[in-house]
């Protein structure tokens, strides 16, 4: 990516570094990059899967641009080595955190878009994420752990829907969220993540494994 030095520097700057050095960080770029990435992949899915339903297209896009997928892409290009992190975040392993890596990928996409426009950005994004779109299209339709858990739970006579209690620890720039799942008056799985969404997803997956193991 041939990006001007100030824009590239900002895209690689995590807020932990920015707060220590009083510099701009990459969160505004991340916001823009998320939208640019979503449009490019949505159009790719629309063109490549002409018979897919809206729900199937949404599932493919969601998985192709997920935090985990973008973090995988970041590791493939050794992006972690180039991150500008604060001292504490660097010590806590921030260079390999899914959330930081995926956010930085989005920031770099935005920087490329601002510097070179949509067509150049589209070419780079499609090259980087081509495998992720293919992987996402091959996933089973019901890769929603919460829905999967609720289907098994309802078959066993439990009522209601899954709910979560969320807690967090750590400073703002290195916060870890913990989610505990509940349904039918019972506590189920627990999960952790660098965002509330990731923690809920992990807790739902743990719950599904618990209930299916118990039913065997």
N, C-alpha and C. Protein backbone atom coordinates (compact mmCIF):
# COMPACT_ATOMS: atom_id res chain seq x y z
N UNK A 1 0.84 -1.18 0.00
CA UNK A 1 0.00 0.00 0.00
C UNK A 1 0.88 1.24 0.00
N UNK A 2 0.88 2.00 -1.05
CA UNK A 2 1.67 3.22 -1.15
C UNK A 2 0.85 4.38 -0.60
N UNK A 3 1.00 4.64 0.71
CA UNK A 3 0.21 5.65 1.37
C UNK A 3 1.14 6.72 1.90
N UNK A 4 0.72 7.98 1.85
CA UNK A 4 1.56 9.06 2.35
C UNK A 4 1.94 8.80 3.80
N UNK A 5 3.12 9.22 4.19
CA UNK A 5 3.65 8.91 5.50
C UNK A 5 2.74 9.34 6.66
N UNK A 6 2.20 10.58 6.69
CA UNK A 6 1.34 10.95 7.82
C UNK A 6 0.09 10.07 7.92
N UNK A 7 -0.52 9.75 6.80
CA UNK A 7 -1.74 8.93 6.82
C UNK A 7 -1.42 7.50 7.24
N UNK A 8 -0.33 6.96 6.76
CA UNK A 8 0.09 5.62 7.15
C UNK A 8 0.41 5.58 8.64
N UNK A 9 1.10 6.61 9.13
CA UNK A 9 1.45 6.66 10.55
C UNK A 9 0.19 6.66 11.40
N UNK A 10 -0.79 7.44 10.99
CA UNK A 10 -2.03 7.49 11.77
C UNK A 10 -2.76 6.15 11.73
N UNK A 11 -2.78 5.49 10.57
CA UNK A 11 -3.48 4.21 10.46
C UNK A 11 -2.86 3.15 11.37
N UNK A 12 -1.57 3.26 11.62
CA UNK A 12 -0.87 2.28 12.45
C UNK A 12 -0.83 2.66 13.92
N UNK A 13 -1.41 3.81 14.28
CA UNK A 13 -1.30 4.32 15.64
C UNK A 13 -2.51 3.93 16.48
N UNK A 14 -2.28 3.07 17.46
CA UNK A 14 -3.32 2.68 18.41
C UNK A 14 -3.52 3.81 19.44
N UNK A 15 -4.69 3.88 20.01
CA UNK A 15 -4.97 4.98 20.93
C UNK A 15 -4.07 4.94 22.16
N UNK A 16 -3.57 3.76 22.55
CA UNK A 16 -2.68 3.69 23.70
C UNK A 16 -1.39 4.47 23.43
N UNK A 17 -0.88 4.38 22.20
CA UNK A 17 0.31 5.14 21.79
C UNK A 17 -0.02 6.62 21.69
N UNK A 18 -1.18 6.92 21.12
CA UNK A 18 -1.59 8.32 20.92
C UNK A 18 -1.74 9.05 22.25
N UNK A 19 -2.30 8.38 23.25
CA UNK A 19 -2.49 9.02 24.55
C UNK A 19 -1.15 9.31 25.23
N UNK A 20 -0.18 8.45 25.01
CA UNK A 20 1.15 8.66 25.61
C UNK A 20 1.93 9.77 24.90
N UNK A 21 1.70 9.91 23.60
CA UNK A 21 2.51 10.84 22.80
C UNK A 21 1.73 12.07 22.33
N UNK A 22 0.45 12.13 22.68
CA UNK A 22 -0.40 13.25 22.25
C UNK A 22 -0.42 13.38 20.73
N UNK A 23 -0.72 12.26 20.08
CA UNK A 23 -0.84 12.21 18.62
C UNK A 23 -2.23 11.72 18.24
N UNK A 24 -2.66 11.97 17.01
CA UNK A 24 -3.93 11.40 16.54
C UNK A 24 -3.82 9.87 16.45
N UNK A 25 -4.92 9.16 16.72
CA UNK A 25 -4.93 7.70 16.59
C UNK A 25 -5.80 7.29 15.41
N UNK A 26 -5.97 6.01 15.24
CA UNK A 26 -6.56 5.49 14.00
C UNK A 26 -8.06 5.20 14.06
N UNK A 27 -8.75 5.62 15.13
CA UNK A 27 -10.14 5.19 15.27
C UNK A 27 -11.07 5.82 14.25
N UNK A 28 -10.81 7.04 13.83
CA UNK A 28 -11.65 7.64 12.78
C UNK A 28 -11.42 6.92 11.45
N UNK A 29 -10.18 6.57 11.17
CA UNK A 29 -9.90 5.79 9.96
C UNK A 29 -10.56 4.42 10.04
N UNK A 30 -10.52 3.82 11.20
CA UNK A 30 -11.16 2.51 11.40
C UNK A 30 -12.65 2.59 11.06
N UNK A 31 -13.31 3.66 11.51
CA UNK A 31 -14.74 3.85 11.23
C UNK A 31 -15.01 3.88 9.73
N UNK A 32 -14.21 4.66 9.02
CA UNK A 32 -14.39 4.75 7.57
C UNK A 32 -14.04 3.43 6.89
N UNK A 33 -12.95 2.81 7.32
CA UNK A 33 -12.52 1.57 6.70
C UNK A 33 -13.53 0.45 6.84
N UNK A 34 -14.22 0.41 7.97
CA UNK A 34 -15.25 -0.60 8.18
C UNK A 34 -16.34 -0.50 7.12
N UNK A 35 -16.75 0.73 6.79
CA UNK A 35 -17.79 0.93 5.78
C UNK A 35 -17.29 0.62 4.38
N UNK A 36 -16.07 1.05 4.06
CA UNK A 36 -15.51 0.76 2.74
C UNK A 36 -15.35 -0.74 2.54
N UNK A 37 -14.82 -1.41 3.55
CA UNK A 37 -14.65 -2.86 3.48
C UNK A 37 -15.99 -3.56 3.31
N UNK A 38 -16.99 -3.14 4.09
CA UNK A 38 -18.31 -3.76 4.00
C UNK A 38 -18.91 -3.64 2.62
N UNK A 39 -18.77 -2.47 2.00
CA UNK A 39 -19.31 -2.27 0.66
C UNK A 39 -18.61 -3.16 -0.36
N UNK A 40 -17.29 -3.22 -0.30
CA UNK A 40 -16.53 -4.02 -1.26
C UNK A 40 -16.90 -5.50 -1.16
N UNK A 41 -16.96 -6.01 0.05
CA UNK A 41 -17.26 -7.44 0.22
C UNK A 41 -18.72 -7.73 -0.08
N UNK A 42 -19.62 -6.81 0.29
CA UNK A 42 -21.04 -7.01 -0.03
C UNK A 42 -21.25 -7.10 -1.54
N UNK A 43 -20.58 -6.23 -2.29
CA UNK A 43 -20.69 -6.27 -3.75
C UNK A 43 -20.08 -7.55 -4.30
N UNK A 44 -18.96 -7.98 -3.73
CA UNK A 44 -18.32 -9.22 -4.17
C UNK A 44 -19.25 -10.41 -3.96
N UNK A 45 -19.87 -10.47 -2.79
CA UNK A 45 -20.78 -11.56 -2.48
C UNK A 45 -21.99 -11.52 -3.42
N UNK A 46 -22.51 -10.32 -3.65
CA UNK A 46 -23.68 -10.17 -4.53
C UNK A 46 -23.38 -10.70 -5.93
N UNK A 47 -22.19 -10.41 -6.44
CA UNK A 47 -21.85 -10.81 -7.80
C UNK A 47 -21.49 -12.29 -7.90
N UNK A 48 -20.81 -12.81 -6.89
CA UNK A 48 -20.32 -14.19 -6.96
C UNK A 48 -21.38 -15.24 -6.60
N UNK A 49 -22.41 -14.82 -5.88
CA UNK A 49 -23.43 -15.79 -5.44
C UNK A 49 -24.81 -15.29 -5.86
N UNK A 50 -25.09 -15.36 -7.18
CA UNK A 50 -26.34 -14.79 -7.71
C UNK A 50 -27.59 -15.50 -7.22
N UNK A 51 -27.47 -16.73 -6.74
CA UNK A 51 -28.65 -17.46 -6.28
C UNK A 51 -28.80 -17.45 -4.76
N UNK A 52 -27.90 -16.77 -4.07
CA UNK A 52 -27.94 -16.75 -2.60
C UNK A 52 -29.06 -15.84 -2.11
N UNK A 53 -29.67 -16.24 -1.01
CA UNK A 53 -30.70 -15.40 -0.40
C UNK A 53 -30.05 -14.24 0.34
N UNK A 54 -30.85 -13.28 0.75
CA UNK A 54 -30.32 -12.15 1.51
C UNK A 54 -29.65 -12.64 2.80
N UNK A 55 -30.29 -13.62 3.44
CA UNK A 55 -29.73 -14.15 4.68
C UNK A 55 -28.38 -14.83 4.45
N UNK A 56 -28.28 -15.60 3.37
CA UNK A 56 -27.01 -16.27 3.06
C UNK A 56 -25.93 -15.26 2.71
N UNK A 57 -26.29 -14.22 1.96
CA UNK A 57 -25.30 -13.20 1.62
C UNK A 57 -24.81 -12.49 2.87
N UNK A 58 -25.73 -12.20 3.77
CA UNK A 58 -25.37 -11.53 5.02
C UNK A 58 -24.44 -12.40 5.85
N UNK A 59 -24.71 -13.71 5.88
CA UNK A 59 -23.87 -14.64 6.64
C UNK A 59 -22.47 -14.70 6.07
N UNK A 60 -22.35 -14.78 4.74
CA UNK A 60 -21.04 -14.85 4.11
C UNK A 60 -20.25 -13.57 4.38
N UNK A 61 -20.90 -12.43 4.19
CA UNK A 61 -20.22 -11.14 4.41
C UNK A 61 -19.78 -11.00 5.86
N UNK A 62 -20.67 -11.32 6.79
CA UNK A 62 -20.35 -11.17 8.21
C UNK A 62 -19.14 -11.99 8.60
N UNK A 63 -19.07 -13.22 8.14
CA UNK A 63 -17.95 -14.08 8.48
C UNK A 63 -16.67 -13.69 7.75
N UNK A 64 -16.80 -13.20 6.52
CA UNK A 64 -15.62 -12.82 5.74
C UNK A 64 -14.93 -11.59 6.31
N UNK A 65 -15.68 -10.70 6.96
CA UNK A 65 -15.09 -9.46 7.50
C UNK A 65 -15.10 -9.47 9.03
N UNK A 66 -15.22 -10.63 9.64
CA UNK A 66 -15.25 -10.72 11.10
C UNK A 66 -13.91 -10.31 11.70
N UNK A 67 -13.93 -10.05 12.99
CA UNK A 67 -12.70 -9.69 13.70
C UNK A 67 -11.63 -10.76 13.52
N UNK A 68 -12.05 -12.01 13.64
CA UNK A 68 -11.09 -13.11 13.51
C UNK A 68 -10.51 -13.19 12.10
N UNK A 69 -11.36 -13.00 11.08
CA UNK A 69 -10.90 -13.08 9.70
C UNK A 69 -9.89 -11.96 9.40
N UNK A 70 -10.20 -10.75 9.84
CA UNK A 70 -9.29 -9.63 9.58
C UNK A 70 -7.99 -9.79 10.36
N UNK A 71 -8.07 -10.34 11.56
CA UNK A 71 -6.85 -10.58 12.33
C UNK A 71 -5.97 -11.61 11.63
N UNK A 72 -6.59 -12.62 11.04
CA UNK A 72 -5.83 -13.62 10.28
C UNK A 72 -5.10 -12.95 9.11
N UNK A 73 -5.79 -12.07 8.42
CA UNK A 73 -5.18 -11.34 7.30
C UNK A 73 -4.00 -10.51 7.81
N UNK A 74 -4.18 -9.85 8.94
CA UNK A 74 -3.12 -9.02 9.52
C UNK A 74 -1.88 -9.86 9.83
N UNK A 75 -2.09 -11.04 10.35
CA UNK A 75 -0.95 -11.92 10.68
C UNK A 75 -0.24 -12.40 9.42
N UNK A 76 -1.00 -12.61 8.36
CA UNK A 76 -0.39 -13.07 7.12
C UNK A 76 0.57 -12.03 6.54
N UNK A 77 0.31 -10.76 6.79
CA UNK A 77 1.18 -9.70 6.27
C UNK A 77 2.08 -9.13 7.37
N UNK A 78 2.14 -9.82 8.51
CA UNK A 78 3.00 -9.42 9.63
C UNK A 78 2.73 -7.98 10.08
N UNK A 79 1.46 -7.63 10.13
CA UNK A 79 1.09 -6.26 10.48
C UNK A 79 1.46 -5.92 11.92
N UNK A 80 1.41 -6.91 12.80
CA UNK A 80 1.70 -6.66 14.20
C UNK A 80 3.05 -6.01 14.45
N UNK A 81 4.02 -6.32 13.60
CA UNK A 81 5.37 -5.77 13.77
C UNK A 81 5.40 -4.25 13.58
N UNK A 82 4.41 -3.72 12.88
CA UNK A 82 4.44 -2.30 12.51
C UNK A 82 3.48 -1.44 13.33
N UNK A 83 2.77 -2.03 14.26
CA UNK A 83 1.82 -1.27 15.06
C UNK A 83 2.53 -0.30 15.99
N UNK A 84 1.93 0.84 16.18
CA UNK A 84 2.44 1.83 17.14
C UNK A 84 1.57 1.73 18.40
N UNK A 85 2.10 1.05 19.40
CA UNK A 85 1.36 0.76 20.62
C UNK A 85 1.99 1.47 21.81
N UNK A 86 1.16 1.75 22.81
CA UNK A 86 1.67 2.27 24.06
C UNK A 86 2.46 1.21 24.80
N UNK A 87 3.20 1.65 25.79
CA UNK A 87 4.07 0.73 26.53
C UNK A 87 3.27 -0.41 27.16
N UNK A 88 2.18 -0.07 27.84
CA UNK A 88 1.38 -1.10 28.52
C UNK A 88 0.75 -2.07 27.56
N UNK A 89 0.20 -1.54 26.45
CA UNK A 89 -0.45 -2.40 25.46
C UNK A 89 0.58 -3.31 24.80
N UNK A 90 1.75 -2.81 24.55
CA UNK A 90 2.80 -3.62 23.94
C UNK A 90 3.21 -4.76 24.88
N UNK A 91 3.33 -4.45 26.15
CA UNK A 91 3.71 -5.47 27.12
C UNK A 91 2.64 -6.53 27.31
N UNK A 92 1.39 -6.14 27.11
CA UNK A 92 0.29 -7.09 27.33
C UNK A 92 -0.04 -7.92 26.10
N UNK A 93 0.82 -7.87 25.08
CA UNK A 93 0.62 -8.69 23.89
C UNK A 93 -0.28 -8.09 22.84
N UNK A 94 -0.37 -6.76 22.83
CA UNK A 94 -1.27 -6.09 21.89
C UNK A 94 -0.96 -6.33 20.43
N UNK A 95 0.27 -6.68 20.12
CA UNK A 95 0.64 -6.90 18.71
C UNK A 95 0.00 -8.16 18.13
N UNK A 96 -0.56 -8.99 18.98
CA UNK A 96 -1.21 -10.20 18.48
C UNK A 96 -2.67 -10.30 18.92
N UNK A 97 -3.26 -9.20 19.36
CA UNK A 97 -4.67 -9.20 19.77
C UNK A 97 -5.56 -9.07 18.54
N UNK A 98 -6.55 -9.95 18.44
CA UNK A 98 -7.45 -9.91 17.28
C UNK A 98 -8.08 -8.54 17.09
N UNK A 99 -8.54 -7.94 18.19
CA UNK A 99 -9.27 -6.67 18.07
C UNK A 99 -8.37 -5.57 17.51
N UNK A 100 -7.15 -5.47 18.00
CA UNK A 100 -6.24 -4.43 17.54
C UNK A 100 -5.81 -4.67 16.10
N UNK A 101 -5.51 -5.91 15.77
CA UNK A 101 -5.11 -6.24 14.40
C UNK A 101 -6.23 -5.96 13.40
N UNK A 102 -7.44 -6.38 13.74
CA UNK A 102 -8.57 -6.19 12.80
C UNK A 102 -8.89 -4.71 12.65
N UNK A 103 -8.84 -3.95 13.75
CA UNK A 103 -9.11 -2.51 13.66
C UNK A 103 -8.06 -1.82 12.79
N UNK A 104 -6.82 -2.25 12.89
CA UNK A 104 -5.76 -1.62 12.10
C UNK A 104 -5.90 -1.95 10.62
N UNK A 105 -6.33 -3.16 10.31
CA UNK A 105 -6.61 -3.49 8.91
C UNK A 105 -7.66 -2.54 8.34
N UNK A 106 -8.72 -2.30 9.10
CA UNK A 106 -9.77 -1.38 8.65
C UNK A 106 -9.23 0.04 8.48
N UNK A 107 -8.36 0.46 9.39
CA UNK A 107 -7.77 1.80 9.28
C UNK A 107 -6.90 1.91 8.03
N UNK A 108 -6.14 0.87 7.72
CA UNK A 108 -5.31 0.88 6.52
C UNK A 108 -6.16 0.88 5.25
N UNK A 109 -7.28 0.20 5.28
CA UNK A 109 -8.19 0.21 4.13
C UNK A 109 -8.70 1.63 3.90
N UNK A 110 -9.06 2.32 4.98
CA UNK A 110 -9.52 3.71 4.86
C UNK A 110 -8.43 4.61 4.32
N UNK A 111 -7.21 4.44 4.82
CA UNK A 111 -6.10 5.26 4.35
C UNK A 111 -5.85 5.04 2.86
N UNK A 112 -5.92 3.80 2.43
CA UNK A 112 -5.75 3.49 1.01
C UNK A 112 -6.86 4.13 0.18
N UNK A 113 -8.08 4.05 0.67
CA UNK A 113 -9.22 4.65 -0.02
C UNK A 113 -9.05 6.17 -0.16
N UNK A 114 -8.65 6.82 0.92
CA UNK A 114 -8.48 8.27 0.89
C UNK A 114 -7.34 8.68 -0.04
N UNK A 115 -6.31 7.88 -0.09
CA UNK A 115 -5.13 8.21 -0.89
C UNK A 115 -5.30 7.84 -2.36
N UNK A 116 -5.96 6.71 -2.65
CA UNK A 116 -5.96 6.16 -4.02
C UNK A 116 -7.34 5.91 -4.61
N UNK A 117 -8.40 6.06 -3.83
CA UNK A 117 -9.73 5.87 -4.36
C UNK A 117 -10.23 4.44 -4.27
N UNK A 118 -11.46 4.25 -4.73
CA UNK A 118 -12.14 2.98 -4.53
C UNK A 118 -11.56 1.83 -5.35
N UNK A 119 -11.23 2.05 -6.59
CA UNK A 119 -10.81 0.94 -7.44
C UNK A 119 -9.51 0.30 -6.96
N UNK A 120 -8.54 1.12 -6.60
CA UNK A 120 -7.29 0.58 -6.05
C UNK A 120 -7.56 -0.16 -4.75
N UNK A 121 -8.38 0.44 -3.91
CA UNK A 121 -8.72 -0.18 -2.62
C UNK A 121 -9.43 -1.50 -2.83
N UNK A 122 -10.34 -1.53 -3.79
CA UNK A 122 -11.07 -2.76 -4.08
C UNK A 122 -10.11 -3.89 -4.48
N UNK A 123 -9.15 -3.57 -5.32
CA UNK A 123 -8.20 -4.59 -5.75
C UNK A 123 -7.40 -5.16 -4.60
N UNK A 124 -6.97 -4.30 -3.68
CA UNK A 124 -6.19 -4.74 -2.53
C UNK A 124 -7.05 -5.58 -1.59
N UNK A 125 -8.25 -5.09 -1.30
CA UNK A 125 -9.13 -5.80 -0.38
C UNK A 125 -9.51 -7.17 -0.92
N UNK A 126 -9.85 -7.23 -2.20
CA UNK A 126 -10.26 -8.51 -2.77
C UNK A 126 -9.10 -9.50 -2.80
N UNK A 127 -7.90 -9.02 -3.00
CA UNK A 127 -6.74 -9.91 -2.98
C UNK A 127 -6.50 -10.44 -1.57
N UNK A 128 -6.58 -9.57 -0.58
CA UNK A 128 -6.32 -9.97 0.80
C UNK A 128 -7.40 -10.89 1.37
N UNK A 129 -8.65 -10.62 0.99
CA UNK A 129 -9.77 -11.35 1.60
C UNK A 129 -10.39 -12.40 0.71
N UNK A 130 -9.78 -12.66 -0.43
CA UNK A 130 -10.36 -13.63 -1.36
C UNK A 130 -10.59 -14.98 -0.69
N UNK A 131 -9.61 -15.46 0.03
CA UNK A 131 -9.76 -16.74 0.71
C UNK A 131 -10.82 -16.71 1.78
N UNK A 132 -11.00 -15.55 2.43
CA UNK A 132 -11.98 -15.45 3.50
C UNK A 132 -13.41 -15.52 2.96
N UNK A 133 -13.63 -14.95 1.81
CA UNK A 133 -14.97 -15.04 1.19
C UNK A 133 -15.27 -16.49 0.83
N UNK A 134 -14.29 -17.18 0.28
CA UNK A 134 -14.48 -18.59 -0.08
C UNK A 134 -14.74 -19.44 1.16
N UNK A 135 -13.97 -19.21 2.22
CA UNK A 135 -14.17 -19.95 3.47
C UNK A 135 -15.56 -19.68 4.04
N UNK A 136 -15.97 -18.42 4.04
CA UNK A 136 -17.27 -18.05 4.60
C UNK A 136 -18.42 -18.69 3.82
N UNK A 137 -18.26 -18.80 2.50
CA UNK A 137 -19.33 -19.38 1.68
C UNK A 137 -19.50 -20.88 1.94
N UNK A 138 -18.44 -21.51 2.47
CA UNK A 138 -18.50 -22.95 2.73
C UNK A 138 -18.96 -23.29 4.13
N UNK A 139 -19.15 -22.29 4.97
CA UNK A 139 -19.57 -22.55 6.35
C UNK A 139 -21.02 -23.00 6.38
N UNK A 140 -21.39 -23.80 7.35
CA UNK A 140 -22.79 -24.24 7.48
C UNK A 140 -23.71 -23.05 7.72
N UNK A 141 -24.98 -23.14 7.30
CA UNK A 141 -25.90 -22.01 7.43
C UNK A 141 -26.08 -21.51 8.85
N UNK A 142 -26.07 -22.42 9.81
CA UNK A 142 -26.37 -22.02 11.18
C UNK A 142 -25.09 -21.94 12.01
N UNK A 143 -24.24 -20.95 11.69
CA UNK A 143 -23.03 -20.75 12.47
C UNK A 143 -23.30 -19.69 13.54
N UNK A 144 -24.46 -19.73 14.11
CA UNK A 144 -24.86 -18.81 15.17
C UNK A 144 -24.99 -19.64 16.44
N UNK A 145 -24.00 -19.56 17.32
CA UNK A 145 -23.99 -20.42 18.50
C UNK A 145 -25.19 -20.19 19.40
N UNK A 146 -25.63 -18.94 19.52
CA UNK A 146 -26.77 -18.66 20.38
C UNK A 146 -28.04 -19.33 19.84
N UNK A 147 -28.27 -19.18 18.53
CA UNK A 147 -29.43 -19.83 17.93
C UNK A 147 -29.34 -21.34 18.05
N UNK A 148 -28.15 -21.88 17.80
CA UNK A 148 -27.96 -23.33 17.91
C UNK A 148 -28.25 -23.81 19.33
N UNK A 149 -27.76 -23.08 20.32
CA UNK A 149 -28.01 -23.45 21.71
C UNK A 149 -29.51 -23.40 22.02
N UNK A 150 -30.17 -22.33 21.61
CA UNK A 150 -31.59 -22.17 21.92
C UNK A 150 -32.44 -23.26 21.28
N UNK A 151 -32.06 -23.69 20.07
CA UNK A 151 -32.80 -24.77 19.41
C UNK A 151 -32.71 -26.06 20.22
N UNK A 152 -31.51 -26.40 20.71
CA UNK A 152 -31.34 -27.59 21.54
C UNK A 152 -32.06 -27.43 22.87
N UNK A 153 -31.94 -26.26 23.47
CA UNK A 153 -32.58 -26.00 24.76
C UNK A 153 -34.10 -26.11 24.67
N UNK A 154 -34.68 -25.55 23.62
CA UNK A 154 -36.13 -25.62 23.45
C UNK A 154 -36.58 -27.07 23.26
N UNK A 155 -35.76 -27.84 22.52
CA UNK A 155 -36.10 -29.25 22.32
C UNK A 155 -36.08 -30.02 23.63
N UNK A 156 -35.31 -29.52 24.60
CA UNK A 156 -35.24 -30.16 25.91
C UNK A 156 -36.24 -29.59 26.90
N UNK A 157 -37.09 -28.68 26.44
CA UNK A 157 -38.14 -28.16 27.30
C UNK A 157 -37.84 -26.85 27.99
N UNK A 158 -36.66 -26.28 27.76
CA UNK A 158 -36.35 -24.99 28.37
C UNK A 158 -37.07 -23.88 27.60
N UNK A 159 -37.45 -22.83 28.31
CA UNK A 159 -38.18 -21.74 27.69
C UNK A 159 -37.34 -20.46 27.69
N UNK A 160 -37.74 -19.55 26.82
CA UNK A 160 -37.09 -18.25 26.79
C UNK A 160 -35.95 -18.17 25.80
N UNK A 161 -35.15 -17.15 25.95
CA UNK A 161 -33.97 -16.93 25.10
C UNK A 161 -32.74 -16.72 25.97
N UNK A 162 -31.61 -16.84 25.37
CA UNK A 162 -30.36 -16.67 26.11
C UNK A 162 -30.13 -15.20 26.46
N UNK A 163 -29.66 -14.97 27.67
CA UNK A 163 -29.26 -13.63 28.08
C UNK A 163 -27.84 -13.68 28.61
N UNK A 164 -27.22 -12.52 28.75
CA UNK A 164 -25.82 -12.47 29.16
C UNK A 164 -25.61 -11.44 30.25
N UNK A 165 -24.71 -11.76 31.16
CA UNK A 165 -24.19 -10.78 32.10
C UNK A 165 -22.76 -10.47 31.67
N UNK A 166 -22.48 -9.18 31.49
CA UNK A 166 -21.18 -8.76 30.97
C UNK A 166 -20.40 -8.01 32.05
N UNK A 167 -19.15 -8.36 32.22
CA UNK A 167 -18.25 -7.62 33.10
C UNK A 167 -16.96 -7.37 32.34
N UNK A 168 -16.13 -6.48 32.86
CA UNK A 168 -14.88 -6.17 32.17
C UNK A 168 -13.79 -5.82 33.17
N UNK A 169 -12.57 -6.02 32.75
CA UNK A 169 -11.41 -5.68 33.56
C UNK A 169 -10.37 -5.01 32.68
N UNK A 170 -9.45 -4.28 33.31
CA UNK A 170 -8.36 -3.66 32.58
C UNK A 170 -8.64 -2.24 32.17
N UNK A 171 -7.61 -1.50 31.76
CA UNK A 171 -7.78 -0.11 31.30
C UNK A 171 -8.52 -0.05 29.97
N UNK A 172 -8.97 1.12 29.61
CA UNK A 172 -9.77 1.29 28.40
C UNK A 172 -9.07 0.76 27.15
N UNK A 173 -7.76 0.95 27.07
CA UNK A 173 -7.06 0.56 25.85
C UNK A 173 -6.72 -0.93 25.83
N UNK A 174 -6.96 -1.63 26.94
CA UNK A 174 -6.65 -3.07 26.99
C UNK A 174 -7.72 -3.82 27.76
N UNK A 175 -8.98 -3.45 27.54
CA UNK A 175 -10.07 -4.03 28.31
C UNK A 175 -10.39 -5.44 27.83
N UNK A 176 -10.68 -6.32 28.79
CA UNK A 176 -11.10 -7.70 28.51
C UNK A 176 -12.50 -7.88 29.06
N UNK A 177 -13.40 -8.36 28.22
CA UNK A 177 -14.80 -8.55 28.61
C UNK A 177 -15.06 -10.03 28.91
N UNK A 178 -15.89 -10.27 29.92
CA UNK A 178 -16.32 -11.62 30.26
C UNK A 178 -17.84 -11.67 30.20
N UNK A 179 -18.36 -12.65 29.48
CA UNK A 179 -19.81 -12.84 29.36
C UNK A 179 -20.20 -14.17 29.98
N UNK A 180 -21.28 -14.16 30.75
CA UNK A 180 -21.84 -15.38 31.32
C UNK A 180 -23.25 -15.54 30.76
N UNK A 181 -23.53 -16.70 30.19
CA UNK A 181 -24.82 -16.96 29.54
C UNK A 181 -25.81 -17.59 30.52
N UNK A 182 -27.07 -17.17 30.40
CA UNK A 182 -28.14 -17.71 31.22
C UNK A 182 -29.34 -18.03 30.33
N UNK A 183 -30.04 -19.10 30.68
CA UNK A 183 -31.30 -19.43 30.03
C UNK A 183 -32.02 -20.47 30.87
N UNK A 184 -33.34 -20.36 30.95
CA UNK A 184 -34.14 -21.32 31.70
C UNK A 184 -33.81 -21.34 33.18
N UNK A 185 -33.43 -20.20 33.71
CA UNK A 185 -33.10 -20.13 35.12
C UNK A 185 -31.78 -20.79 35.49
N UNK A 186 -30.94 -21.08 34.51
CA UNK A 186 -29.69 -21.78 34.76
C UNK A 186 -28.52 -21.03 34.13
N UNK A 187 -27.40 -21.07 34.81
CA UNK A 187 -26.18 -20.50 34.26
C UNK A 187 -25.52 -21.51 33.34
N UNK A 188 -25.08 -21.03 32.14
CA UNK A 188 -24.47 -21.93 31.18
C UNK A 188 -23.00 -21.54 30.95
N UNK A 189 -22.61 -21.30 29.75
CA UNK A 189 -21.19 -21.10 29.46
C UNK A 189 -20.68 -19.70 29.74
N UNK A 190 -19.38 -19.60 29.83
CA UNK A 190 -18.68 -18.33 30.05
C UNK A 190 -17.67 -18.13 28.93
N UNK A 191 -17.52 -16.88 28.49
CA UNK A 191 -16.54 -16.60 27.43
C UNK A 191 -15.88 -15.25 27.64
N UNK A 192 -14.69 -15.10 27.12
CA UNK A 192 -13.95 -13.85 27.20
C UNK A 192 -13.63 -13.34 25.80
N UNK A 193 -13.43 -12.04 25.70
CA UNK A 193 -13.04 -11.45 24.43
C UNK A 193 -12.63 -10.01 24.61
N UNK A 194 -12.06 -9.43 23.57
CA UNK A 194 -11.62 -8.05 23.64
C UNK A 194 -12.74 -7.08 23.27
N UNK A 195 -13.94 -7.60 23.04
CA UNK A 195 -15.14 -6.79 22.85
C UNK A 195 -16.32 -7.53 23.46
N UNK A 196 -17.40 -6.82 23.75
CA UNK A 196 -18.58 -7.47 24.31
C UNK A 196 -19.14 -8.50 23.32
N UNK A 197 -19.12 -8.17 22.05
CA UNK A 197 -19.62 -9.10 21.03
C UNK A 197 -18.83 -10.39 21.02
N UNK A 198 -17.50 -10.27 21.07
CA UNK A 198 -16.66 -11.47 21.06
C UNK A 198 -16.88 -12.31 22.31
N UNK A 199 -17.06 -11.65 23.45
CA UNK A 199 -17.29 -12.38 24.70
C UNK A 199 -18.63 -13.11 24.66
N UNK A 200 -19.67 -12.47 24.16
CA UNK A 200 -20.99 -13.13 24.05
C UNK A 200 -20.91 -14.32 23.10
N UNK A 201 -20.21 -14.15 21.99
CA UNK A 201 -20.06 -15.24 21.03
C UNK A 201 -19.36 -16.44 21.68
N UNK A 202 -18.30 -16.17 22.44
CA UNK A 202 -17.57 -17.25 23.11
C UNK A 202 -18.43 -17.93 24.16
N UNK A 203 -19.22 -17.15 24.90
CA UNK A 203 -20.10 -17.72 25.93
C UNK A 203 -21.19 -18.58 25.30
N UNK A 204 -21.73 -18.13 24.16
CA UNK A 204 -22.76 -18.91 23.49
C UNK A 204 -22.20 -20.22 22.95
N UNK A 205 -20.98 -20.16 22.41
CA UNK A 205 -20.35 -21.39 21.92
C UNK A 205 -20.10 -22.37 23.07
N UNK A 206 -19.60 -21.85 24.19
CA UNK A 206 -19.36 -22.71 25.36
C UNK A 206 -20.66 -23.32 25.87
N UNK A 207 -21.74 -22.55 25.83
CA UNK A 207 -23.04 -23.05 26.27
C UNK A 207 -23.55 -24.17 25.37
N UNK A 208 -23.36 -23.97 24.05
CA UNK A 208 -23.80 -25.00 23.11
C UNK A 208 -23.05 -26.30 23.34
N UNK A 209 -21.75 -26.22 23.59
CA UNK A 209 -20.96 -27.42 23.82
C UNK A 209 -21.38 -28.09 25.13
N UNK A 210 -21.73 -27.30 26.13
CA UNK A 210 -22.19 -27.86 27.39
C UNK A 210 -23.51 -28.62 27.24
N UNK A 211 -24.45 -28.00 26.56
CA UNK A 211 -25.79 -28.61 26.47
C UNK A 211 -25.78 -29.82 25.55
N UNK A 212 -24.98 -29.79 24.50
CA UNK A 212 -24.93 -30.95 23.61
C UNK A 212 -24.16 -32.11 24.27
N UNK A 213 -23.16 -31.79 25.05
CA UNK A 213 -22.42 -32.82 25.78
C UNK A 213 -23.32 -33.48 26.81
N UNK A 214 -24.13 -32.67 27.49
CA UNK A 214 -25.02 -33.19 28.52
C UNK A 214 -26.12 -34.07 27.96
N UNK A 215 -26.49 -33.81 26.69
CA UNK A 215 -27.61 -34.55 26.09
C UNK A 215 -27.17 -35.87 25.49
N UNK A 216 -25.86 -36.11 25.42
CA UNK A 216 -25.38 -37.36 24.80
C UNK A 216 -25.51 -38.53 25.77
